[in-house]
C-alpha atoms as a PDB file:
ATOM      1  CA  MET A   1      13.075   9.113  10.786  1.00  0.00           C
ATOM      2  CA  LEU A   2      13.069   8.642   7.010  1.00  0.00           C
ATOM      3  CA  VAL A   3      15.165  11.681   6.137  1.00  0.00           C
ATOM      4  CA  ASP A   4      18.939  12.109   6.150  1.00  0.00           C
ATOM      5  CA  ALA A   5      18.909  15.324   8.209  1.00  0.00           C
ATOM      6  CA  GLY A   6      19.254  15.212  11.980  1.00  0.00           C
ATOM      7  CA  ASN A   7      19.870  12.411  14.432  1.00  0.00           C
ATOM      8  CA  ARG A   8      19.883   8.858  13.109  1.00  0.00           C
ATOM      9  CA  PRO A   9      17.926   6.854  15.669  1.00  0.00           C
ATOM     10  CA  ARG A  10      19.326   3.428  14.607  1.00  0.00           C
ATOM     11  CA  LEU A  11      15.937   1.959  13.864  1.00  0.00           C
ATOM     12  CA  GLY A  12      15.296  -0.969  11.609  1.00  0.00           C
ATOM     13  CA  GLN A  13      12.362  -2.867  10.281  1.00  0.00           C
ATOM     14  CA  SER A  14      11.474  -6.505  10.402  1.00  0.00           C
ATOM     15  CA  PHE A  15       8.730  -8.386   8.667  1.00  0.00           C
ATOM     16  CA  ILE A  16       6.623 -11.054  10.255  1.00  0.00           C
ATOM     17  CA  VAL A  17       5.096 -13.324   7.645  1.00  0.00           C
ATOM     18  CA  ILE A  18       2.127 -15.371   8.769  1.00  0.00           C
ATOM     19  CA  LYS A  19       0.386 -18.154   6.894  1.00  0.00           C
ATOM     20  CA  PRO A  20      -3.158 -17.831   8.270  1.00  0.00           C
ATOM     21  CA  ASP A  21      -4.185 -21.332   7.213  1.00  0.00           C
ATOM     22  CA  ALA A  22      -1.627 -22.790   9.597  1.00  0.00           C
ATOM     23  CA  LEU A  23      -3.267 -21.048  12.548  1.00  0.00           C
ATOM     24  CA  ALA A  24      -6.989 -20.438  12.985  1.00  0.00           C
ATOM     25  CA  GLY A  25      -7.679 -20.404   9.261  1.00  0.00           C
ATOM     26  CA  ARG A  26      -7.818 -17.543   6.796  1.00  0.00           C
ATOM     27  CA  GLU A  27     -11.237 -16.134   7.732  1.00  0.00           C
ATOM     28  CA  GLY A  28     -10.519 -16.221  11.460  1.00  0.00           C
ATOM     29  CA  PHE A  29      -7.183 -14.504  10.916  1.00  0.00           C
ATOM     30  CA  LEU A  30      -8.683 -11.783   8.726  1.00  0.00           C
ATOM     31  CA  ASP A  31     -11.423 -11.128  11.269  1.00  0.00           C
ATOM     32  CA  ARG A  32      -8.871 -10.767  14.059  1.00  0.00           C
ATOM     33  CA  VAL A  33      -6.345  -8.648  12.166  1.00  0.00           C
ATOM     34  CA  GLU A  34      -9.062  -6.246  10.992  1.00  0.00           C
ATOM     35  CA  VAL A  35      -9.436  -4.835  14.506  1.00  0.00           C
ATOM     36  CA  PRO A  36      -5.850  -3.540  14.986  1.00  0.00           C
ATOM     37  CA  VAL A  37      -5.676  -2.354  11.379  1.00  0.00           C
ATOM     38  CA  ARG A  38      -8.877  -0.349  11.834  1.00  0.00           C
ATOM     39  CA  GLU A  39      -7.424   1.187  15.011  1.00  0.00           C
ATOM     40  CA  MET A  40      -4.164   2.066  13.250  1.00  0.00           C
ATOM     41  CA  LEU A  41      -6.053   3.898  10.504  1.00  0.00           C
ATOM     42  CA  VAL A  42      -7.625   6.232  13.085  1.00  0.00           C
ATOM     43  CA  ASP A  43      -4.258   8.023  13.371  1.00  0.00           C
ATOM     44  CA  ASP A  44      -3.337  10.555  10.695  1.00  0.00           C
ATOM     45  CA  GLY A  45      -0.503   9.548   8.413  1.00  0.00           C
ATOM     46  CA  VAL A  46      -0.804   5.796   8.868  1.00  0.00           C
ATOM     47  CA  ARG A  47      -0.502   4.010   5.548  1.00  0.00           C
ATOM     48  CA  LEU A  48      -1.138   0.413   4.675  1.00  0.00           C
ATOM     49  CA  PRO A  49       0.893  -1.346   2.000  1.00  0.00           C
ATOM     50  CA  GLY A  50      -0.958  -1.239  -1.294  1.00  0.00           C
ATOM     51  CA  ALA A  51      -3.496   1.410  -0.237  1.00  0.00           C
ATOM     52  CA  ARG A  52      -2.017   4.113  -2.484  1.00  0.00           C
ATOM     53  CA  ARG A  53      -1.743   1.733  -5.419  1.00  0.00           C
ATOM     54  CA  GLU A  54      -5.364   0.659  -4.997  1.00  0.00           C
ATOM     55  CA  ALA A  55      -6.563   4.271  -4.805  1.00  0.00           C
ATOM     56  CA  LEU A  56      -4.619   5.142  -7.968  1.00  0.00           C
ATOM     57  CA  LEU A  57      -6.084   2.127  -9.773  1.00  0.00           C
ATOM     58  CA  VAL A  58      -9.636   3.101  -8.830  1.00  0.00           C
ATOM     59  CA  ALA A  59      -9.018   6.688  -9.968  1.00  0.00           C
ATOM     60  CA  ALA A  60      -7.473   5.527 -13.267  1.00  0.00           C
ATOM     61  CA  GLN A  61     -10.391   3.197 -13.949  1.00  0.00           C
ATOM     62  CA  ALA A  62     -12.871   5.994 -13.286  1.00  0.00           C
ATOM     63  CA  ASN A  63     -11.045   8.876 -14.993  1.00  0.00           C
ATOM     64  CA  GLY A  64      -8.491   7.311 -17.333  1.00  0.00           C
ATOM     65  CA  ILE A  65      -4.838   8.315 -17.349  1.00  0.00           C
ATOM     66  CA  GLU A  66      -2.993  11.119 -19.058  1.00  0.00           C
ATOM     67  CA  ILE A  67      -0.083  10.321 -21.335  1.00  0.00           C
ATOM     68  CA  GLY A  68       2.187  12.589 -23.311  1.00  0.00           C
ATOM     69  CA  ASN A  69       1.862  13.134 -27.048  1.00  0.00           C
ATOM     70  CA  ALA A  70       5.147  11.373 -27.799  1.00  0.00           C
ATOM     71  CA  LEU A  71       4.020   8.223 -26.003  1.00  0.00           C
ATOM     72  CA  LEU A  72       0.609   8.391 -27.685  1.00  0.00           C
ATOM     73  CA  LYS A  73       2.249   8.641 -31.134  1.00  0.00           C
ATOM     74  CA  GLY A  74       4.489   5.698 -30.274  1.00  0.00           C
ATOM     75  CA  LEU A  75       1.520   3.623 -29.210  1.00  0.00           C
ATOM     76  CA  ASP A  76      -0.432   4.573 -32.339  1.00  0.00           C
ATOM     77  CA  SER A  77       2.446   3.499 -34.579  1.00  0.00           C
ATOM     78  CA  ALA A  78       2.937   0.146 -32.859  1.00  0.00           C
END
């Protein structure tokens, strides 16, 4: 679906933005939305927005990050 090769299925995306406070309140909303999200994550390949970024942040905080020598020299001279 996300590659140029093959049939183009004419799919699109839409975003539904919800302000939880306007409904049952933030905590009630988060409790309710946790159930379908947990079920989605049972399937292989399902990704949540921000999950990769959060995992990379945790890894960087634990292990540091690698930078090239040129960038390191530039940072040292600044």
